[in-house]
N, C-alpha and C. Protein backbone atom coordinates (compact mmCIF):
# COMPACT_ATOMS: atom_id res chain seq x y z
N MET A 1 -16.95 21.02 -27.57
CA MET A 1 -16.84 20.29 -26.31
C MET A 1 -15.44 19.67 -26.25
N LYS A 2 -14.80 19.83 -25.08
CA LYS A 2 -13.45 19.30 -24.90
C LYS A 2 -13.46 18.27 -23.78
N VAL A 3 -12.43 17.42 -23.84
CA VAL A 3 -12.26 16.43 -22.77
C VAL A 3 -11.87 17.18 -21.50
N ARG A 4 -12.51 16.85 -20.41
CA ARG A 4 -12.21 17.50 -19.14
C ARG A 4 -10.86 17.00 -18.61
N SER A 5 -10.07 17.92 -18.14
CA SER A 5 -8.74 17.55 -17.63
C SER A 5 -8.79 17.11 -16.17
N CYS A 6 -9.92 17.29 -15.52
CA CYS A 6 -9.99 16.97 -14.08
C CYS A 6 -9.76 15.49 -13.82
N TRP A 7 -10.23 14.63 -14.72
CA TRP A 7 -10.07 13.19 -14.49
C TRP A 7 -8.60 12.78 -14.57
N ALA A 8 -7.87 13.36 -15.49
CA ALA A 8 -6.44 13.06 -15.62
C ALA A 8 -5.68 13.56 -14.38
N VAL A 9 -6.06 14.73 -13.89
CA VAL A 9 -5.42 15.28 -12.69
C VAL A 9 -5.70 14.38 -11.49
N LEU A 10 -6.95 13.99 -11.34
CA LEU A 10 -7.32 13.11 -10.22
C LEU A 10 -6.64 11.75 -10.35
N GLU A 11 -6.53 11.26 -11.57
CA GLU A 11 -5.86 9.98 -11.79
C GLU A 11 -4.38 10.08 -11.40
N ASN A 12 -3.73 11.19 -11.75
CA ASN A 12 -2.33 11.39 -11.37
C ASN A 12 -2.16 11.46 -9.86
N ARG A 13 -3.09 12.12 -9.19
CA ARG A 13 -3.03 12.19 -7.72
C ARG A 13 -3.14 10.80 -7.10
N VAL A 14 -4.07 10.01 -7.61
CA VAL A 14 -4.26 8.66 -7.07
C VAL A 14 -3.03 7.81 -7.37
N GLU A 15 -2.44 7.97 -8.55
CA GLU A 15 -1.23 7.21 -8.89
C GLU A 15 -0.08 7.56 -7.94
N LYS A 16 0.06 8.85 -7.63
CA LYS A 16 1.10 9.27 -6.69
C LYS A 16 0.85 8.69 -5.30
N ARG A 17 -0.42 8.74 -4.87
CA ARG A 17 -0.76 8.19 -3.56
C ARG A 17 -0.51 6.68 -3.53
N LEU A 18 -0.84 6.01 -4.62
CA LEU A 18 -0.62 4.57 -4.72
C LEU A 18 0.87 4.24 -4.67
N ALA A 19 1.68 5.02 -5.37
CA ALA A 19 3.13 4.80 -5.35
C ALA A 19 3.69 5.00 -3.94
N GLN A 20 3.19 6.02 -3.24
CA GLN A 20 3.65 6.27 -1.87
C GLN A 20 3.24 5.13 -0.94
N LEU A 21 2.01 4.66 -1.11
CA LEU A 21 1.54 3.54 -0.28
C LEU A 21 2.36 2.28 -0.54
N GLN A 22 2.71 2.04 -1.79
CA GLN A 22 3.52 0.87 -2.12
C GLN A 22 4.92 0.99 -1.52
N ALA A 23 5.48 2.19 -1.54
CA ALA A 23 6.79 2.40 -0.91
C ALA A 23 6.69 2.20 0.60
N ASP A 24 5.64 2.73 1.21
CA ASP A 24 5.43 2.54 2.65
C ASP A 24 5.25 1.07 2.99
N THR A 25 4.54 0.34 2.13
CA THR A 25 4.33 -1.08 2.36
C THR A 25 5.65 -1.83 2.30
N GLY A 26 6.50 -1.48 1.34
CA GLY A 26 7.81 -2.10 1.26
C GLY A 26 8.63 -1.85 2.51
N GLN A 27 8.59 -0.62 3.00
CA GLN A 27 9.32 -0.29 4.23
C GLN A 27 8.75 -1.07 5.41
N ALA A 28 7.44 -1.16 5.50
CA ALA A 28 6.80 -1.89 6.61
C ALA A 28 7.16 -3.38 6.54
N LEU A 29 7.25 -3.92 5.35
CA LEU A 29 7.65 -5.33 5.20
C LEU A 29 9.09 -5.53 5.68
N ARG A 30 9.97 -4.57 5.36
CA ARG A 30 11.36 -4.69 5.82
C ARG A 30 11.44 -4.61 7.34
N VAL A 31 10.65 -3.71 7.94
CA VAL A 31 10.63 -3.59 9.40
C VAL A 31 10.13 -4.89 10.02
N ARG A 32 9.06 -5.45 9.45
CA ARG A 32 8.52 -6.69 9.99
C ARG A 32 9.53 -7.84 9.87
N GLU A 33 10.22 -7.92 8.74
CA GLU A 33 11.23 -8.96 8.57
C GLU A 33 12.36 -8.79 9.58
N SER A 34 12.75 -7.55 9.83
CA SER A 34 13.78 -7.28 10.83
C SER A 34 13.32 -7.72 12.22
N LEU A 35 12.06 -7.42 12.54
CA LEU A 35 11.52 -7.82 13.85
C LEU A 35 11.43 -9.34 13.96
N LEU A 36 11.06 -10.00 12.88
CA LEU A 36 11.02 -11.47 12.90
C LEU A 36 12.40 -12.05 13.14
N GLY A 37 13.41 -11.45 12.51
CA GLY A 37 14.78 -11.89 12.74
C GLY A 37 15.21 -11.66 14.18
N SER A 38 14.84 -10.52 14.74
CA SER A 38 15.16 -10.22 16.14
C SER A 38 14.48 -11.22 17.06
N ARG A 39 13.23 -11.52 16.76
CA ARG A 39 12.51 -12.50 17.60
C ARG A 39 13.19 -13.85 17.56
N GLN A 40 13.65 -14.25 16.38
CA GLN A 40 14.31 -15.54 16.25
C GLN A 40 15.64 -15.55 17.01
N ARG A 41 16.42 -14.45 16.90
CA ARG A 41 17.69 -14.38 17.63
C ARG A 41 17.46 -14.39 19.14
N LEU A 42 16.42 -13.68 19.59
CA LEU A 42 16.12 -13.67 21.03
C LEU A 42 15.69 -15.05 21.52
N ALA A 43 14.90 -15.74 20.73
CA ALA A 43 14.48 -17.09 21.12
C ALA A 43 15.69 -18.02 21.23
N GLN A 44 16.63 -17.85 20.30
CA GLN A 44 17.84 -18.68 20.34
C GLN A 44 18.67 -18.35 21.57
N MET A 45 18.80 -17.05 21.87
CA MET A 45 19.57 -16.66 23.06
C MET A 45 18.91 -17.18 24.33
N LEU A 46 17.59 -17.09 24.38
CA LEU A 46 16.88 -17.59 25.56
C LEU A 46 17.11 -19.08 25.74
N GLN A 47 17.06 -19.82 24.65
CA GLN A 47 17.31 -21.27 24.73
C GLN A 47 18.71 -21.54 25.24
N GLU A 48 19.69 -20.83 24.70
CA GLU A 48 21.07 -21.05 25.12
C GLU A 48 21.27 -20.74 26.59
N TYR A 49 20.70 -19.63 27.06
CA TYR A 49 20.88 -19.25 28.45
C TYR A 49 20.06 -20.12 29.40
N GLN A 50 18.92 -20.63 28.93
CA GLN A 50 18.16 -21.55 29.77
C GLN A 50 18.89 -22.87 29.92
N ALA A 51 19.64 -23.22 28.90
CA ALA A 51 20.40 -24.47 28.95
C ALA A 51 21.54 -24.36 29.95
N GLN A 52 22.04 -23.18 30.12
CA GLN A 52 23.11 -22.99 31.10
C GLN A 52 22.49 -22.93 32.50
N THR A 53 22.88 -23.83 33.33
CA THR A 53 22.38 -23.79 34.70
C THR A 53 23.52 -23.36 35.60
N VAL A 54 23.28 -22.28 36.29
CA VAL A 54 24.28 -21.75 37.21
C VAL A 54 23.82 -22.10 38.61
N GLY A 55 24.57 -22.95 39.28
CA GLY A 55 24.20 -23.37 40.62
C GLY A 55 24.87 -22.51 41.67
N PRO A 56 24.19 -22.21 42.75
CA PRO A 56 24.77 -21.38 43.81
C PRO A 56 25.68 -22.22 44.71
N SER A 57 26.94 -22.43 44.29
CA SER A 57 27.85 -23.25 45.09
C SER A 57 28.68 -22.43 46.05
N SER A 58 28.92 -21.18 45.73
CA SER A 58 29.69 -20.32 46.63
C SER A 58 29.18 -18.88 46.48
N SER A 59 29.87 -17.95 47.09
CA SER A 59 29.42 -16.55 47.01
C SER A 59 29.52 -16.04 45.57
N THR A 60 30.55 -16.45 44.86
CA THR A 60 30.64 -16.04 43.45
C THR A 60 29.57 -16.78 42.64
N GLY A 61 29.22 -17.99 43.07
CA GLY A 61 28.17 -18.75 42.40
C GLY A 61 26.82 -18.07 42.57
N MET A 62 26.56 -17.52 43.76
CA MET A 62 25.32 -16.80 44.00
C MET A 62 25.26 -15.55 43.13
N SER A 63 26.38 -14.87 43.03
CA SER A 63 26.44 -13.67 42.20
C SER A 63 26.21 -14.02 40.73
N ALA A 64 26.80 -15.10 40.30
CA ALA A 64 26.62 -15.54 38.91
C ALA A 64 25.17 -15.95 38.67
N ALA A 65 24.56 -16.64 39.63
CA ALA A 65 23.16 -17.05 39.50
C ALA A 65 22.25 -15.82 39.44
N LEU A 66 22.53 -14.82 40.26
CA LEU A 66 21.74 -13.60 40.26
C LEU A 66 21.90 -12.86 38.93
N ASN A 67 23.12 -12.75 38.44
CA ASN A 67 23.36 -12.10 37.15
C ASN A 67 22.65 -12.86 36.02
N HIS A 68 22.70 -14.19 36.10
CA HIS A 68 22.06 -15.02 35.09
C HIS A 68 20.55 -14.79 35.10
N ARG A 69 19.96 -14.75 36.28
CA ARG A 69 18.52 -14.53 36.41
C ARG A 69 18.12 -13.14 35.88
N GLN A 70 18.93 -12.12 36.23
CA GLN A 70 18.63 -10.77 35.75
C GLN A 70 18.73 -10.70 34.22
N PHE A 71 19.73 -11.36 33.68
CA PHE A 71 19.89 -11.35 32.23
C PHE A 71 18.71 -12.06 31.55
N MET A 72 18.29 -13.17 32.13
CA MET A 72 17.14 -13.91 31.59
C MET A 72 15.88 -13.05 31.64
N THR A 73 15.71 -12.32 32.73
CA THR A 73 14.55 -11.44 32.87
C THR A 73 14.58 -10.35 31.80
N ARG A 74 15.74 -9.79 31.57
CA ARG A 74 15.86 -8.76 30.54
C ARG A 74 15.61 -9.32 29.15
N LEU A 75 16.08 -10.52 28.90
CA LEU A 75 15.82 -11.16 27.61
C LEU A 75 14.32 -11.40 27.40
N VAL A 76 13.65 -11.84 28.45
CA VAL A 76 12.20 -12.07 28.35
C VAL A 76 11.47 -10.76 28.10
N LEU A 77 11.86 -9.70 28.82
CA LEU A 77 11.25 -8.39 28.60
C LEU A 77 11.51 -7.89 27.18
N LEU A 78 12.71 -8.11 26.70
CA LEU A 78 13.04 -7.70 25.34
C LEU A 78 12.22 -8.50 24.32
N ARG A 79 12.04 -9.77 24.58
CA ARG A 79 11.23 -10.61 23.68
C ARG A 79 9.77 -10.10 23.65
N GLU A 80 9.24 -9.74 24.83
CA GLU A 80 7.88 -9.20 24.88
C GLU A 80 7.78 -7.89 24.10
N ARG A 81 8.81 -7.06 24.21
CA ARG A 81 8.82 -5.80 23.48
C ARG A 81 8.84 -6.04 21.97
N VAL A 82 9.65 -7.01 21.54
CA VAL A 82 9.72 -7.35 20.12
C VAL A 82 8.37 -7.89 19.65
N GLU A 83 7.71 -8.68 20.48
CA GLU A 83 6.39 -9.20 20.12
C GLU A 83 5.37 -8.07 19.97
N GLN A 84 5.43 -7.09 20.87
CA GLN A 84 4.53 -5.93 20.77
C GLN A 84 4.81 -5.14 19.49
N ASP A 85 6.10 -4.92 19.24
CA ASP A 85 6.48 -4.18 18.02
C ASP A 85 6.06 -4.95 16.77
N LEU A 86 6.17 -6.26 16.83
CA LEU A 86 5.78 -7.10 15.69
C LEU A 86 4.28 -7.02 15.46
N ALA A 87 3.51 -7.02 16.54
CA ALA A 87 2.05 -6.89 16.41
C ALA A 87 1.69 -5.52 15.83
N THR A 88 2.37 -4.49 16.29
CA THR A 88 2.13 -3.14 15.76
C THR A 88 2.50 -3.06 14.28
N ALA A 89 3.63 -3.65 13.92
CA ALA A 89 4.07 -3.63 12.52
C ALA A 89 3.10 -4.41 11.64
N SER A 90 2.61 -5.53 12.13
CA SER A 90 1.66 -6.33 11.35
C SER A 90 0.35 -5.57 11.17
N SER A 91 -0.09 -4.89 12.20
CA SER A 91 -1.31 -4.09 12.12
C SER A 91 -1.12 -2.94 11.12
N HIS A 92 0.02 -2.30 11.18
CA HIS A 92 0.32 -1.19 10.26
C HIS A 92 0.36 -1.71 8.82
N LEU A 93 0.95 -2.88 8.64
CA LEU A 93 1.04 -3.48 7.31
C LEU A 93 -0.35 -3.81 6.77
N ALA A 94 -1.20 -4.34 7.61
CA ALA A 94 -2.57 -4.64 7.19
C ALA A 94 -3.31 -3.36 6.80
N SER A 95 -3.10 -2.30 7.58
CA SER A 95 -3.72 -1.01 7.27
C SER A 95 -3.22 -0.48 5.92
N LEU A 96 -1.93 -0.59 5.68
CA LEU A 96 -1.36 -0.14 4.41
C LEU A 96 -1.91 -0.95 3.24
N LYS A 97 -2.06 -2.24 3.44
CA LYS A 97 -2.60 -3.07 2.36
C LYS A 97 -4.04 -2.69 2.04
N GLU A 98 -4.83 -2.38 3.07
CA GLU A 98 -6.21 -1.96 2.85
C GLU A 98 -6.25 -0.62 2.13
N ARG A 99 -5.41 0.31 2.56
CA ARG A 99 -5.36 1.62 1.90
C ARG A 99 -4.88 1.48 0.45
N THR A 100 -3.96 0.58 0.21
CA THR A 100 -3.48 0.34 -1.16
C THR A 100 -4.60 -0.23 -2.01
N ARG A 101 -5.37 -1.14 -1.45
CA ARG A 101 -6.49 -1.72 -2.19
C ARG A 101 -7.50 -0.64 -2.57
N ARG A 102 -7.81 0.24 -1.61
CA ARG A 102 -8.76 1.32 -1.88
C ARG A 102 -8.20 2.29 -2.93
N ALA A 103 -6.90 2.57 -2.86
CA ALA A 103 -6.29 3.47 -3.84
C ALA A 103 -6.33 2.85 -5.23
N GLN A 104 -6.13 1.54 -5.31
CA GLN A 104 -6.23 0.87 -6.61
C GLN A 104 -7.65 0.96 -7.16
N GLU A 105 -8.63 0.80 -6.29
CA GLU A 105 -10.02 0.96 -6.71
C GLU A 105 -10.28 2.37 -7.21
N ASP A 106 -9.76 3.36 -6.48
CA ASP A 106 -9.92 4.76 -6.89
C ASP A 106 -9.26 5.01 -8.24
N LEU A 107 -8.11 4.40 -8.45
CA LEU A 107 -7.40 4.56 -9.73
C LEU A 107 -8.25 4.00 -10.87
N LEU A 108 -8.82 2.84 -10.65
CA LEU A 108 -9.68 2.25 -11.68
C LEU A 108 -10.90 3.15 -11.95
N LYS A 109 -11.46 3.73 -10.91
CA LYS A 109 -12.60 4.64 -11.08
C LYS A 109 -12.20 5.86 -11.92
N MET A 110 -11.05 6.45 -11.58
CA MET A 110 -10.61 7.64 -12.31
C MET A 110 -10.33 7.31 -13.78
N GLN A 111 -9.71 6.17 -14.01
CA GLN A 111 -9.44 5.75 -15.39
C GLN A 111 -10.74 5.54 -16.15
N SER A 112 -11.70 4.91 -15.48
CA SER A 112 -13.00 4.67 -16.11
C SER A 112 -13.72 5.97 -16.42
N LEU A 113 -13.70 6.90 -15.48
CA LEU A 113 -14.35 8.20 -15.70
C LEU A 113 -13.66 8.98 -16.81
N LYS A 114 -12.35 8.91 -16.86
CA LYS A 114 -11.61 9.60 -17.92
C LYS A 114 -11.96 9.00 -19.29
N GLU A 115 -12.02 7.67 -19.36
CA GLU A 115 -12.36 7.02 -20.62
C GLU A 115 -13.80 7.32 -21.05
N SER A 116 -14.72 7.30 -20.10
CA SER A 116 -16.11 7.58 -20.46
C SER A 116 -16.28 9.03 -20.89
N ASP A 117 -15.55 9.95 -20.29
CA ASP A 117 -15.60 11.34 -20.71
C ASP A 117 -15.03 11.48 -22.12
N LEU A 118 -13.94 10.79 -22.40
CA LEU A 118 -13.35 10.83 -23.74
C LEU A 118 -14.33 10.26 -24.77
N LYS A 119 -14.98 9.17 -24.45
CA LYS A 119 -15.97 8.58 -25.37
C LYS A 119 -17.15 9.52 -25.59
N ALA A 120 -17.58 10.19 -24.54
CA ALA A 120 -18.70 11.13 -24.67
C ALA A 120 -18.31 12.29 -25.59
N VAL A 121 -17.10 12.79 -25.45
CA VAL A 121 -16.64 13.89 -26.31
C VAL A 121 -16.54 13.41 -27.75
N GLN A 122 -15.98 12.21 -27.95
CA GLN A 122 -15.87 11.66 -29.30
C GLN A 122 -17.26 11.48 -29.92
N LYS A 123 -18.22 10.99 -29.16
CA LYS A 123 -19.57 10.80 -29.66
C LYS A 123 -20.20 12.14 -30.01
N TYR A 124 -19.99 13.13 -29.17
CA TYR A 124 -20.52 14.47 -29.44
C TYR A 124 -19.97 14.99 -30.77
N HIS A 125 -18.65 14.84 -30.96
CA HIS A 125 -18.05 15.33 -32.20
C HIS A 125 -18.53 14.53 -33.41
N GLN A 126 -18.73 13.24 -33.26
CA GLN A 126 -19.25 12.42 -34.36
C GLN A 126 -20.67 12.85 -34.73
N LEU A 127 -21.50 13.06 -33.70
CA LEU A 127 -22.87 13.49 -33.95
C LEU A 127 -22.90 14.86 -34.62
N ARG A 128 -22.03 15.73 -34.18
CA ARG A 128 -21.96 17.06 -34.76
C ARG A 128 -21.51 17.00 -36.23
N GLU A 129 -20.50 16.17 -36.47
CA GLU A 129 -20.01 15.99 -37.83
C GLU A 129 -21.10 15.39 -38.72
N GLN A 130 -21.81 14.41 -38.17
CA GLN A 130 -22.89 13.77 -38.92
C GLN A 130 -24.01 14.77 -39.23
N ALA A 131 -24.34 15.59 -38.26
CA ALA A 131 -25.38 16.60 -38.48
C ALA A 131 -24.95 17.57 -39.57
N GLY A 132 -23.67 17.97 -39.57
CA GLY A 132 -23.16 18.85 -40.61
C GLY A 132 -23.21 18.19 -41.98
N MET A 133 -22.86 16.91 -42.03
CA MET A 133 -22.91 16.18 -43.30
C MET A 133 -24.35 16.03 -43.77
N ASP A 134 -25.27 15.77 -42.84
CA ASP A 134 -26.69 15.66 -43.21
C ASP A 134 -27.20 16.98 -43.77
N ALA A 135 -26.82 18.07 -43.12
CA ALA A 135 -27.25 19.39 -43.59
C ALA A 135 -26.68 19.67 -44.97
N LEU A 136 -25.43 19.30 -45.21
CA LEU A 136 -24.82 19.49 -46.51
C LEU A 136 -25.52 18.65 -47.57
N GLY A 137 -25.88 17.42 -47.21
CA GLY A 137 -26.58 16.53 -48.13
C GLY A 137 -27.95 17.08 -48.50
N VAL A 138 -28.67 17.60 -47.53
CA VAL A 138 -29.99 18.17 -47.79
C VAL A 138 -29.85 19.39 -48.69
N MET A 139 -28.82 20.21 -48.40
CA MET A 139 -28.61 21.41 -49.20
C MET A 139 -28.29 21.01 -50.66
N GLN A 140 -27.46 20.03 -50.86
CA GLN A 140 -27.12 19.59 -52.22
C GLN A 140 -28.35 19.00 -52.90
N PHE A 141 -29.14 18.27 -52.14
CA PHE A 141 -30.37 17.70 -52.72
C PHE A 141 -31.29 18.81 -53.18
N ASN A 142 -31.49 19.83 -52.33
CA ASN A 142 -32.37 20.95 -52.66
C ASN A 142 -31.84 21.71 -53.86
N GLN A 143 -30.51 21.87 -53.95
CA GLN A 143 -29.93 22.58 -55.08
C GLN A 143 -30.11 21.77 -56.39
N SER A 144 -29.96 20.45 -56.30
CA SER A 144 -30.11 19.63 -57.50
C SER A 144 -31.59 19.62 -57.96
N LYS A 145 -32.51 19.71 -57.02
CA LYS A 145 -33.93 19.75 -57.37
C LYS A 145 -34.30 21.10 -57.99
N ALA A 146 -33.67 22.14 -57.48
CA ALA A 146 -33.98 23.48 -57.97
C ALA A 146 -33.39 23.69 -59.37
N ALA A 147 -32.35 23.01 -59.66
CA ALA A 147 -31.72 23.20 -60.98
C ALA A 147 -32.37 22.45 -62.07
């Protein structure tokens, strides 16, 4: 009886999947950090531009007020887009963490199955060796009685 190689192969597959998931999680964390930085910069820009009040005092003032309003609208839309992307990134990160947890569980299962198979093979060989020794002992006993 030999140790089955399937458990080691399955364990290697799970380890590779786990390594890939951890790399993906690291990338997702970097994306989320980047989005958080973008959100912070946009909030700061919005504050600065809201502080600037452009009054319509002349025709150029009206044009400046219109440009200011359009820019503020675009900043708000950009902030909403960043918030959506941040929600998507957070959801993706949560999914990756769950998949990583399951892969770690699978790795533990494969390691446990590999160890139990190894123990079963060792026990089989011990029992076989013991049976051989018992047979040899009986044979020696019978020979000593016959002599």
